[in-house]
Amino acid sequence: MYNRILIATDGTELSDKAVHAGLDLAALCGASVIALKVVSHYPRSYLEGSDLLDIKEAKRIEEQWTSQAQTLLNGVKAFGHERKVNVTTEIAHSDLVAESIVETAKKHDCDLIVMASHGRKGLQRLLLGSETQHVLTHSPVPVLVLR
């Protein structure tokens, strides 16, 4: 059915449900998993929504976010090991979350993407956008969305 599944996670409780469902599906199919966490760049200007920090401090913060992402992905790998699923981890450094998910799926020749939808509505969705919606409309492979 599926040979390689990309599971995108952001570490939230809802995303954890998607991780467990994706790993369960991979175990049923005998598929391998690519676990992905996208780490944004630290905003560099007031227009991007931050106080100005020197380059060294911004780099330190980004390194901390990367370390936290690796810890999260190590947890996914451990859950996969419990289910006898081969899990490879990847961190993408980008402000374009949806594009990173789609590109990683292409790069690893995945045949399914599993991710969560936070279900924002109204003004929040308009202002924040929907990464899940973008993945759904731009992915060349099926997307399993969990809520």
N, C-alpha and C. Protein backbone atom coordinates (compact mmCIF):
# COMPACT_ATOMS: atom_id res chain seq x y z
N MET A 1 0.83 -1.19 0.00
CA MET A 1 0.00 0.00 0.00
C MET A 1 0.87 1.26 0.00
N TYR A 2 1.57 1.52 1.11
CA TYR A 2 2.50 2.64 1.18
C TYR A 2 3.88 2.09 1.51
N ASN A 3 4.90 2.66 0.88
CA ASN A 3 6.27 2.22 1.13
C ASN A 3 7.07 3.20 1.97
N ARG A 4 6.82 4.50 1.75
CA ARG A 4 7.57 5.53 2.49
C ARG A 4 6.59 6.64 2.87
N ILE A 5 6.45 6.89 4.15
CA ILE A 5 5.50 7.87 4.66
C ILE A 5 6.25 9.02 5.30
N LEU A 6 5.90 10.23 4.92
CA LEU A 6 6.44 11.42 5.56
C LEU A 6 5.48 11.83 6.67
N ILE A 7 6.00 11.96 7.89
CA ILE A 7 5.19 12.43 9.01
C ILE A 7 5.76 13.78 9.42
N ALA A 8 4.97 14.83 9.25
CA ALA A 8 5.38 16.18 9.64
C ALA A 8 4.86 16.45 11.05
N THR A 9 5.74 16.99 11.90
CA THR A 9 5.34 17.26 13.27
C THR A 9 5.83 18.64 13.70
N ASP A 10 5.06 19.25 14.59
CA ASP A 10 5.51 20.52 15.18
C ASP A 10 5.60 20.42 16.70
N GLY A 11 5.37 19.21 17.23
CA GLY A 11 5.53 18.99 18.66
C GLY A 11 4.30 19.28 19.50
N THR A 12 3.22 19.73 18.88
CA THR A 12 2.01 19.99 19.64
C THR A 12 1.28 18.69 19.96
N GLU A 13 0.33 18.75 20.88
CA GLU A 13 -0.43 17.57 21.26
C GLU A 13 -1.17 16.99 20.06
N LEU A 14 -1.77 17.86 19.26
CA LEU A 14 -2.49 17.39 18.07
C LEU A 14 -1.53 16.74 17.07
N SER A 15 -0.38 17.33 16.91
CA SER A 15 0.63 16.78 16.02
C SER A 15 1.11 15.42 16.52
N ASP A 16 1.21 15.25 17.82
CA ASP A 16 1.60 13.96 18.39
C ASP A 16 0.61 12.87 18.02
N LYS A 17 -0.68 13.22 17.97
CA LYS A 17 -1.69 12.24 17.54
C LYS A 17 -1.43 11.81 16.11
N ALA A 18 -1.05 12.76 15.27
CA ALA A 18 -0.76 12.44 13.87
C ALA A 18 0.49 11.56 13.77
N VAL A 19 1.49 11.84 14.61
CA VAL A 19 2.70 11.01 14.63
C VAL A 19 2.35 9.57 14.97
N HIS A 20 1.58 9.37 16.03
CA HIS A 20 1.22 8.01 16.44
C HIS A 20 0.38 7.31 15.38
N ALA A 21 -0.57 8.03 14.78
CA ALA A 21 -1.39 7.42 13.72
C ALA A 21 -0.55 7.07 12.50
N GLY A 22 0.37 7.95 12.15
CA GLY A 22 1.25 7.69 11.01
C GLY A 22 2.16 6.50 11.25
N LEU A 23 2.69 6.39 12.46
CA LEU A 23 3.54 5.25 12.79
C LEU A 23 2.75 3.95 12.82
N ASP A 24 1.52 4.00 13.33
CA ASP A 24 0.66 2.80 13.33
C ASP A 24 0.37 2.36 11.90
N LEU A 25 0.08 3.33 11.02
CA LEU A 25 -0.18 3.01 9.61
C LEU A 25 1.07 2.41 8.96
N ALA A 26 2.21 3.00 9.24
CA ALA A 26 3.47 2.49 8.68
C ALA A 26 3.72 1.05 9.14
N ALA A 27 3.44 0.77 10.41
CA ALA A 27 3.62 -0.58 10.93
C ALA A 27 2.70 -1.56 10.20
N LEU A 28 1.46 -1.15 9.96
CA LEU A 28 0.50 -2.02 9.25
C LEU A 28 0.93 -2.29 7.81
N CYS A 29 1.51 -1.27 7.17
CA CYS A 29 1.89 -1.38 5.75
C CYS A 29 3.30 -1.91 5.55
N GLY A 30 4.08 -1.94 6.62
CA GLY A 30 5.48 -2.31 6.46
C GLY A 30 6.27 -1.19 5.80
N ALA A 31 5.83 0.04 5.98
CA ALA A 31 6.47 1.20 5.35
C ALA A 31 7.54 1.79 6.25
N SER A 32 8.47 2.48 5.63
CA SER A 32 9.44 3.27 6.40
C SER A 32 8.89 4.68 6.55
N VAL A 33 9.46 5.44 7.49
CA VAL A 33 8.96 6.77 7.80
C VAL A 33 10.09 7.80 7.74
N ILE A 34 9.77 8.95 7.19
CA ILE A 34 10.61 10.13 7.29
C ILE A 34 9.88 11.06 8.24
N ALA A 35 10.47 11.34 9.41
CA ALA A 35 9.86 12.26 10.37
C ALA A 35 10.50 13.63 10.16
N LEU A 36 9.66 14.64 9.93
CA LEU A 36 10.13 15.98 9.57
C LEU A 36 9.67 17.02 10.56
N LYS A 37 10.58 17.89 10.95
CA LYS A 37 10.26 19.09 11.73
C LYS A 37 10.86 20.26 10.98
N VAL A 38 10.04 21.27 10.71
CA VAL A 38 10.50 22.47 10.04
C VAL A 38 10.81 23.51 11.12
N VAL A 39 12.02 24.03 11.09
CA VAL A 39 12.47 25.05 12.04
C VAL A 39 12.57 26.37 11.30
N SER A 40 11.82 27.35 11.77
CA SER A 40 11.84 28.68 11.14
C SER A 40 13.12 29.41 11.52
N HIS A 41 13.44 30.38 10.70
CA HIS A 41 14.56 31.27 11.01
C HIS A 41 14.09 32.31 12.01
N TYR A 42 15.00 32.77 12.85
CA TYR A 42 14.65 33.82 13.81
C TYR A 42 14.41 35.11 13.04
N PRO A 43 13.30 35.83 13.32
CA PRO A 43 13.03 37.09 12.62
C PRO A 43 14.18 38.06 12.80
N ARG A 44 14.55 38.74 11.72
CA ARG A 44 15.73 39.60 11.76
C ARG A 44 15.40 41.10 11.77
N SER A 45 14.10 41.45 11.70
CA SER A 45 13.77 42.87 11.68
C SER A 45 12.44 43.11 12.38
N TYR A 46 12.17 44.36 12.65
CA TYR A 46 10.87 44.72 13.25
C TYR A 46 9.73 44.31 12.32
N LEU A 47 9.94 44.43 11.02
CA LEU A 47 8.90 44.08 10.06
C LEU A 47 8.57 42.59 10.10
N GLU A 48 9.52 41.78 10.51
CA GLU A 48 9.30 40.34 10.63
C GLU A 48 8.76 39.96 12.00
N GLY A 49 8.59 40.93 12.88
CA GLY A 49 7.95 40.66 14.16
C GLY A 49 8.89 40.38 15.32
N SER A 50 10.09 40.97 15.29
CA SER A 50 10.98 40.72 16.42
C SER A 50 11.71 41.99 16.83
N ASP A 51 12.25 41.93 18.03
CA ASP A 51 13.21 42.94 18.44
C ASP A 51 14.51 42.63 17.72
N LEU A 52 15.25 43.66 17.42
CA LEU A 52 16.52 43.42 16.75
C LEU A 52 17.52 42.81 17.73
N LEU A 53 18.09 41.69 17.34
CA LEU A 53 19.13 41.04 18.12
C LEU A 53 20.39 41.01 17.26
N ASP A 54 21.53 40.93 17.93
CA ASP A 54 22.73 40.79 17.11
C ASP A 54 22.73 39.41 16.48
N ILE A 55 23.52 39.26 15.44
CA ILE A 55 23.54 38.03 14.66
C ILE A 55 23.90 36.81 15.52
N LYS A 56 24.83 36.98 16.45
CA LYS A 56 25.24 35.85 17.30
C LYS A 56 24.08 35.36 18.16
N GLU A 57 23.31 36.30 18.72
CA GLU A 57 22.18 35.90 19.57
C GLU A 57 21.09 35.22 18.75
N ALA A 58 20.79 35.74 17.57
CA ALA A 58 19.79 35.12 16.70
C ALA A 58 20.25 33.71 16.31
N LYS A 59 21.53 33.56 16.00
CA LYS A 59 22.07 32.24 15.64
C LYS A 59 21.97 31.28 16.82
N ARG A 60 22.24 31.76 18.04
CA ARG A 60 22.13 30.93 19.23
C ARG A 60 20.70 30.43 19.42
N ILE A 61 19.73 31.32 19.20
CA ILE A 61 18.33 30.94 19.33
C ILE A 61 17.95 29.90 18.29
N GLU A 62 18.38 30.09 17.05
CA GLU A 62 18.10 29.12 15.99
C GLU A 62 18.73 27.77 16.30
N GLU A 63 19.94 27.77 16.87
CA GLU A 63 20.58 26.51 17.25
C GLU A 63 19.80 25.81 18.36
N GLN A 64 19.25 26.61 19.29
CA GLN A 64 18.43 26.04 20.36
C GLN A 64 17.17 25.41 19.77
N TRP A 65 16.52 26.10 18.83
CA TRP A 65 15.33 25.55 18.18
C TRP A 65 15.67 24.26 17.44
N THR A 66 16.83 24.21 16.79
CA THR A 66 17.25 23.01 16.07
C THR A 66 17.49 21.86 17.05
N SER A 67 18.11 22.16 18.17
CA SER A 67 18.33 21.13 19.19
C SER A 67 17.01 20.58 19.72
N GLN A 68 16.05 21.47 19.97
CA GLN A 68 14.73 21.04 20.44
C GLN A 68 14.03 20.19 19.38
N ALA A 69 14.20 20.56 18.11
CA ALA A 69 13.60 19.79 17.02
C ALA A 69 14.21 18.39 16.96
N GLN A 70 15.52 18.29 17.14
CA GLN A 70 16.16 16.98 17.10
C GLN A 70 15.70 16.11 18.26
N THR A 71 15.51 16.71 19.42
CA THR A 71 14.99 15.96 20.57
C THR A 71 13.59 15.44 20.26
N LEU A 72 12.75 16.28 19.68
CA LEU A 72 11.40 15.87 19.29
C LEU A 72 11.46 14.70 18.30
N LEU A 73 12.31 14.82 17.29
CA LEU A 73 12.41 13.78 16.27
C LEU A 73 13.01 12.49 16.82
N ASN A 74 13.91 12.61 17.80
CA ASN A 74 14.44 11.41 18.45
C ASN A 74 13.32 10.65 19.16
N GLY A 75 12.36 11.40 19.72
CA GLY A 75 11.20 10.77 20.34
C GLY A 75 10.34 10.03 19.33
N VAL A 76 10.16 10.64 18.15
CA VAL A 76 9.40 9.97 17.08
C VAL A 76 10.12 8.69 16.67
N LYS A 77 11.43 8.78 16.55
CA LYS A 77 12.22 7.60 16.17
C LYS A 77 12.07 6.49 17.21
N ALA A 78 12.06 6.86 18.49
CA ALA A 78 11.88 5.86 19.56
C ALA A 78 10.50 5.23 19.49
N PHE A 79 9.46 6.03 19.24
CA PHE A 79 8.11 5.47 19.09
C PHE A 79 8.07 4.52 17.89
N GLY A 80 8.75 4.88 16.82
CA GLY A 80 8.81 4.01 15.65
C GLY A 80 9.51 2.69 15.97
N HIS A 81 10.60 2.78 16.72
CA HIS A 81 11.33 1.57 17.12
C HIS A 81 10.43 0.63 17.91
N GLU A 82 9.59 1.19 18.80
CA GLU A 82 8.66 0.37 19.57
C GLU A 82 7.69 -0.38 18.66
N ARG A 83 7.36 0.23 17.53
CA ARG A 83 6.41 -0.37 16.58
C ARG A 83 7.13 -1.13 15.47
N LYS A 84 8.46 -1.24 15.57
CA LYS A 84 9.27 -1.92 14.56
C LYS A 84 9.18 -1.24 13.20
N VAL A 85 9.16 0.11 13.24
CA VAL A 85 9.12 0.92 12.02
C VAL A 85 10.45 1.63 11.88
N ASN A 86 11.04 1.55 10.69
CA ASN A 86 12.29 2.25 10.40
C ASN A 86 11.98 3.74 10.21
N VAL A 87 12.52 4.59 11.08
CA VAL A 87 12.27 6.03 11.04
C VAL A 87 13.57 6.77 10.78
N THR A 88 13.56 7.60 9.75
CA THR A 88 14.65 8.52 9.45
C THR A 88 14.16 9.91 9.81
N THR A 89 15.02 10.71 10.44
CA THR A 89 14.59 12.05 10.83
C THR A 89 15.24 13.10 9.94
N GLU A 90 14.52 14.20 9.80
CA GLU A 90 15.05 15.32 9.02
C GLU A 90 14.53 16.63 9.60
N ILE A 91 15.42 17.61 9.65
CA ILE A 91 15.06 18.97 10.06
C ILE A 91 15.24 19.85 8.84
N ALA A 92 14.20 20.62 8.51
CA ALA A 92 14.29 21.59 7.43
C ALA A 92 14.32 22.98 8.06
N HIS A 93 15.24 23.80 7.63
CA HIS A 93 15.35 25.18 8.12
C HIS A 93 14.73 26.10 7.08
N SER A 94 13.52 26.58 7.39
CA SER A 94 12.80 27.40 6.42
C SER A 94 11.65 28.11 7.11
N ASP A 95 11.29 29.26 6.57
CA ASP A 95 10.08 29.95 7.02
C ASP A 95 8.88 29.49 6.22
N LEU A 96 9.10 28.70 5.20
CA LEU A 96 8.04 28.20 4.33
C LEU A 96 7.74 26.75 4.70
N VAL A 97 6.90 26.59 5.70
CA VAL A 97 6.65 25.27 6.28
C VAL A 97 6.02 24.32 5.26
N ALA A 98 4.93 24.72 4.66
CA ALA A 98 4.23 23.84 3.72
C ALA A 98 5.12 23.45 2.54
N GLU A 99 5.84 24.42 2.01
CA GLU A 99 6.73 24.13 0.89
C GLU A 99 7.82 23.14 1.30
N SER A 100 8.31 23.27 2.52
CA SER A 100 9.34 22.35 3.01
C SER A 100 8.80 20.93 3.14
N ILE A 101 7.56 20.81 3.58
CA ILE A 101 6.94 19.49 3.71
C ILE A 101 6.80 18.84 2.34
N VAL A 102 6.28 19.58 1.38
CA VAL A 102 6.08 19.04 0.03
C VAL A 102 7.42 18.69 -0.62
N GLU A 103 8.42 19.57 -0.48
CA GLU A 103 9.73 19.30 -1.07
C GLU A 103 10.42 18.10 -0.43
N THR A 104 10.27 17.94 0.87
CA THR A 104 10.87 16.78 1.55
C THR A 104 10.20 15.49 1.08
N ALA A 105 8.90 15.53 0.91
CA ALA A 105 8.19 14.35 0.40
C ALA A 105 8.69 13.97 -1.00
N LYS A 106 8.91 14.97 -1.84
CA LYS A 106 9.44 14.71 -3.19
C LYS A 106 10.85 14.17 -3.12
N LYS A 107 11.69 14.80 -2.30
CA LYS A 107 13.10 14.43 -2.18
C LYS A 107 13.27 12.98 -1.76
N HIS A 108 12.42 12.51 -0.86
CA HIS A 108 12.53 11.15 -0.34
C HIS A 108 11.59 10.16 -1.04
N ASP A 109 10.94 10.61 -2.11
CA ASP A 109 10.04 9.75 -2.88
C ASP A 109 8.97 9.12 -1.99
N CYS A 110 8.37 9.95 -1.12
CA CYS A 110 7.31 9.48 -0.23
C CYS A 110 6.02 9.28 -1.02
N ASP A 111 5.22 8.33 -0.60
CA ASP A 111 3.94 8.12 -1.27
C ASP A 111 2.74 8.50 -0.39
N LEU A 112 3.01 9.10 0.79
CA LEU A 112 1.95 9.60 1.65
C LEU A 112 2.56 10.62 2.61
N ILE A 113 1.81 11.69 2.88
CA ILE A 113 2.18 12.66 3.91
C ILE A 113 1.13 12.57 5.00
N VAL A 114 1.58 12.48 6.25
CA VAL A 114 0.68 12.47 7.40
C VAL A 114 0.98 13.72 8.23
N MET A 115 -0.05 14.48 8.55
CA MET A 115 0.13 15.68 9.36
C MET A 115 -1.17 16.04 10.07
N ALA A 116 -1.08 16.96 11.01
CA ALA A 116 -2.25 17.41 11.74
C ALA A 116 -2.74 18.73 11.17
N SER A 117 -4.00 19.01 11.42
CA SER A 117 -4.57 20.31 11.11
C SER A 117 -5.06 20.90 12.42
N HIS A 118 -4.66 22.12 12.68
CA HIS A 118 -5.06 22.75 13.94
C HIS A 118 -6.45 23.34 13.86
N GLY A 119 -7.05 23.35 12.68
CA GLY A 119 -8.45 23.73 12.56
C GLY A 119 -8.76 25.17 12.90
N ARG A 120 -7.84 26.08 12.59
CA ARG A 120 -8.12 27.49 12.85
C ARG A 120 -9.23 27.96 11.92
N LYS A 121 -10.05 28.87 12.45
CA LYS A 121 -11.17 29.38 11.66
C LYS A 121 -11.19 30.89 11.72
N GLY A 122 -11.96 31.45 10.82
CA GLY A 122 -12.21 32.89 10.85
C GLY A 122 -10.96 33.73 10.69
N LEU A 123 -10.87 34.78 11.50
CA LEU A 123 -9.78 35.73 11.40
C LEU A 123 -8.42 35.09 11.66
N GLN A 124 -8.37 34.14 12.61
CA GLN A 124 -7.11 33.47 12.90
C GLN A 124 -6.58 32.75 11.66
N ARG A 125 -7.44 32.09 10.92
CA ARG A 125 -7.00 31.39 9.72
C ARG A 125 -6.57 32.38 8.66
N LEU A 126 -7.32 33.47 8.54
CA LEU A 126 -6.98 34.48 7.54
C LEU A 126 -5.61 35.08 7.83
N LEU A 127 -5.34 35.38 9.10
CA LEU A 127 -4.08 36.01 9.47
C LEU A 127 -2.92 35.03 9.49
N LEU A 128 -3.15 33.82 9.98
CA LEU A 128 -2.07 32.86 10.13
C LEU A 128 -1.92 31.95 8.92
N GLY A 129 -2.95 31.87 8.09
CA GLY A 129 -2.89 30.98 6.95
C GLY A 129 -3.08 29.54 7.38
N SER A 130 -3.01 28.64 6.44
CA SER A 130 -3.16 27.24 6.75
C SER A 130 -2.08 26.45 6.04
N GLU A 131 -1.09 26.01 6.81
CA GLU A 131 -0.02 25.19 6.22
C GLU A 131 -0.61 23.89 5.68
N THR A 132 -1.55 23.32 6.41
CA THR A 132 -2.17 22.07 5.97
C THR A 132 -2.89 22.26 4.64
N GLN A 133 -3.64 23.35 4.51
CA GLN A 133 -4.34 23.63 3.26
C GLN A 133 -3.36 23.77 2.10
N HIS A 134 -2.25 24.42 2.36
CA HIS A 134 -1.23 24.60 1.31
C HIS A 134 -0.64 23.24 0.90
N VAL A 135 -0.35 22.39 1.88
CA VAL A 135 0.17 21.06 1.57
C VAL A 135 -0.86 20.27 0.76
N LEU A 136 -2.11 20.33 1.18
CA LEU A 136 -3.17 19.61 0.47
C LEU A 136 -3.28 20.02 -1.00
N THR A 137 -3.13 21.30 -1.25
CA THR A 137 -3.31 21.79 -2.62
C THR A 137 -2.05 21.68 -3.48
N HIS A 138 -0.89 21.48 -2.87
CA HIS A 138 0.35 21.44 -3.64
C HIS A 138 1.08 20.10 -3.62
N SER A 139 0.63 19.16 -2.83
CA SER A 139 1.31 17.88 -2.73
C SER A 139 1.03 16.99 -3.93
N PRO A 140 2.06 16.38 -4.47
CA PRO A 140 1.84 15.43 -5.57
C PRO A 140 1.41 14.04 -5.09
N VAL A 141 1.42 13.84 -3.76
CA VAL A 141 1.01 12.54 -3.19
C VAL A 141 -0.14 12.75 -2.23
N PRO A 142 -0.86 11.69 -1.87
CA PRO A 142 -1.96 11.83 -0.93
C PRO A 142 -1.51 12.37 0.43
N VAL A 143 -2.41 13.09 1.09
CA VAL A 143 -2.13 13.67 2.40
C VAL A 143 -3.21 13.18 3.36
N LEU A 144 -2.76 12.60 4.47
CA LEU A 144 -3.68 12.16 5.53
C LEU A 144 -3.63 13.23 6.61
N VAL A 145 -4.76 13.90 6.84
CA VAL A 145 -4.83 14.98 7.81
C VAL A 145 -5.62 14.51 9.02
N LEU A 146 -5.02 14.67 10.19
CA LEU A 146 -5.69 14.26 11.42
C LEU A 146 -6.01 15.47 12.26
N ARG A 147 -7.17 15.40 12.96
CA ARG A 147 -7.61 16.49 13.84
C ARG A 147 -8.00 15.93 15.17
